[in-house]
Amino acid sequence: MSVSWGHRGCAFITTCVAALTAGITGTVASPVAHAKNGDTHIVGIGIVQTIDCNGSTLFINGAENQITALGSCWAVTTQGSSNTVIADNVVNDITVYGWDQTVLYKSGEPFVLDRGRELGMTNRIDRVPA
C-alpha cells in the first residue's frame, strides 16, 4: 500500500482503505471519526506562527512554540514543553500534555483537560479578556 502526502503533510491512507473496502464488500462505509479537512498540526521547536483555525482543531507538538490562533478553533491540543497558544475562541476542548504549557483563550466555554497537572507538572490554561 502506498501513502501519498497532501496538504500540510497529511497522509491520504483513508482513500486506500476505502478502495480496499469497496473491492471486498462492494460499498464504501463512511468512517466513524476522522480529522476535519483543515486541522492544523504544528510540530517543531521555536516556531512563531499566526494561523486561522477555521473551525478546526489545532495540534501543537514540540517546545517553545508561540502560536496565535485567529477565529474559532474546534479544539486545541498541546504536547511537549514551554509552548504558548493564544486563541480567539475555543468551542469544544483544550487538552494539554507536558509541562510549562500556556493556553490562553478569549472566548468559548471549552472543556479543559490538563494531563500534565494530573502528573504533577505545572501548566497555565486561562480565559483572558478579548
Protein backbone atom coordinates (compact mmCIF):
# COMPACT_ATOMS: atom_id res chain seq x y z
CA MET A 1 0.00 0.00 0.00
CA SER A 2 1.40 3.40 -0.92
CA VAL A 3 0.85 6.56 1.05
CA SER A 4 0.55 9.87 -0.75
CA TRP A 5 1.17 13.10 1.08
CA GLY A 6 -1.16 16.02 0.58
CA HIS A 7 -1.86 19.43 2.00
CA ARG A 8 0.15 20.17 5.17
CA GLY A 9 1.75 16.71 5.07
CA CYS A 10 -1.46 14.76 5.79
CA ALA A 11 -1.48 11.18 4.53
CA PHE A 12 -4.39 10.01 2.43
CA ILE A 13 -4.49 6.48 3.81
CA THR A 14 -8.30 6.62 4.10
CA THR A 15 -8.55 6.58 0.30
CA CYS A 16 -6.57 3.33 0.14
CA VAL A 17 -8.63 1.74 2.91
CA ALA A 18 -11.88 2.85 1.28
CA ALA A 19 -10.76 1.41 -2.07
CA LEU A 20 -9.89 -1.92 -0.45
CA THR A 21 -13.20 -1.96 1.44
CA ALA A 22 -15.13 -1.22 -1.75
CA GLY A 23 -13.37 -4.06 -3.55
CA ILE A 24 -14.21 -6.53 -0.79
CA THR A 25 -17.75 -5.51 0.17
CA GLY A 26 -18.90 -3.58 -2.90
CA THR A 27 -19.71 -0.46 -0.84
CA VAL A 28 -17.74 2.20 0.95
CA ALA A 29 -18.78 2.96 4.52
CA SER A 30 -18.04 6.38 5.96
CA PRO A 31 -15.53 6.46 8.78
CA VAL A 32 -16.81 6.72 12.32
CA ALA A 33 -14.41 9.53 13.24
CA HIS A 34 -11.85 11.44 11.26
CA ALA A 35 -9.94 14.69 11.21
CA LYS A 36 -11.68 17.60 9.58
CA ASN A 37 -10.02 18.89 6.45
CA GLY A 38 -8.01 21.87 7.57
CA ASP A 39 -6.93 20.65 11.02
CA THR A 40 -3.60 22.30 11.72
CA HIS A 41 -0.61 20.34 13.01
CA ILE A 42 2.39 22.35 14.17
CA VAL A 43 5.41 20.23 15.06
CA GLY A 44 8.76 21.70 15.92
CA ILE A 45 10.84 23.83 18.23
CA GLY A 46 10.71 27.61 18.46
CA ILE A 47 8.06 28.16 15.80
CA VAL A 48 6.34 31.57 15.90
CA GLN A 49 3.20 31.49 13.75
CA THR A 50 -0.26 33.02 13.38
CA ILE A 51 -2.90 30.70 11.92
CA ASP A 52 -6.63 30.80 11.13
CA CYS A 53 -8.33 27.93 12.96
CA ASN A 54 -11.29 27.95 10.55
CA GLY A 55 -13.42 25.85 12.94
CA SER A 56 -10.88 23.02 13.01
CA THR A 57 -8.58 21.54 15.65
CA LEU A 58 -5.14 22.95 16.36
CA PHE A 59 -2.49 20.40 17.37
CA ILE A 60 0.88 21.62 18.68
CA ASN A 61 3.72 19.22 19.46
CA GLY A 62 7.16 20.43 20.42
CA ALA A 63 8.85 23.01 22.62
CA GLU A 64 8.94 26.79 22.88
CA ASN A 65 6.42 27.33 20.08
CA GLN A 66 4.39 30.57 20.10
CA ILE A 67 1.12 30.22 18.22
CA THR A 68 -1.64 32.78 17.77
CA ALA A 69 -4.90 31.17 16.61
CA LEU A 70 -7.36 33.55 14.97
CA GLY A 71 -11.05 32.85 14.51
CA SER A 72 -12.76 29.87 16.06
CA CYS A 73 -10.95 26.61 16.90
CA TRP A 74 -12.95 23.44 17.47
CA ALA A 75 -10.26 22.29 19.91
CA VAL A 76 -6.66 22.96 20.94
CA THR A 77 -4.24 20.20 21.94
CA THR A 78 -0.63 20.74 23.03
CA GLN A 79 2.15 18.27 23.77
CA GLY A 80 5.71 18.97 24.83
CA SER A 81 7.01 21.85 26.93
CA SER A 82 7.00 25.63 27.06
CA ASN A 83 4.51 26.09 24.21
CA THR A 84 2.31 29.22 24.24
CA VAL A 85 -1.04 29.39 22.44
CA ILE A 86 -3.33 32.41 22.34
CA ALA A 87 -6.70 31.58 20.76
CA ASP A 88 -9.58 33.88 19.90
CA ASN A 89 -12.25 31.22 20.55
CA VAL A 90 -12.24 27.53 21.50
CA VAL A 91 -15.51 25.66 21.04
CA ASN A 92 -15.13 22.12 22.38
CA ASP A 93 -11.99 21.37 24.40
CA ILE A 94 -8.44 22.26 25.38
CA THR A 95 -6.16 19.30 26.14
CA VAL A 96 -2.67 19.90 27.48
CA TYR A 97 0.05 17.26 27.86
CA GLY A 98 3.52 18.05 29.18
CA TRP A 99 4.78 20.85 31.39
CA ASP A 100 5.16 24.63 31.34
CA GLN A 101 2.46 24.93 28.67
CA THR A 102 0.34 28.10 28.36
CA VAL A 103 -3.00 28.15 26.57
CA LEU A 104 -4.97 31.39 26.74
CA TYR A 105 -8.36 31.81 25.07
CA LYS A 106 -10.56 34.87 24.72
CA SER A 107 -14.00 33.28 24.32
CA GLY A 108 -15.79 29.96 24.40
CA GLU A 109 -16.63 27.50 27.15
CA PRO A 110 -14.31 24.59 26.31
CA PHE A 111 -13.80 21.53 28.48
CA VAL A 112 -10.26 21.78 29.89
CA LEU A 113 -8.15 18.66 30.39
CA ASP A 114 -4.71 19.32 31.90
CA ARG A 115 -2.96 15.95 31.76
CA GLY A 116 0.33 17.49 32.87
CA ARG A 117 -1.15 18.82 36.11
CA GLU A 118 -2.60 15.36 36.81
CA LEU A 119 1.01 14.14 36.80
CA GLY A 120 2.34 16.96 38.99
CA MET A 121 3.50 19.30 36.22
CA THR A 122 2.62 23.00 36.05
CA ASN A 123 0.66 24.40 33.11
CA ARG A 124 -1.41 27.55 32.65
CA ILE A 125 -4.80 27.39 30.94
CA ASP A 126 -6.90 30.53 31.34
CA ARG A 127 -9.64 32.57 29.78
CA VAL A 128 -8.43 36.14 29.20
CA PRO A 129 -10.24 39.35 28.22
CA ALA A 130 -10.72 39.83 24.48
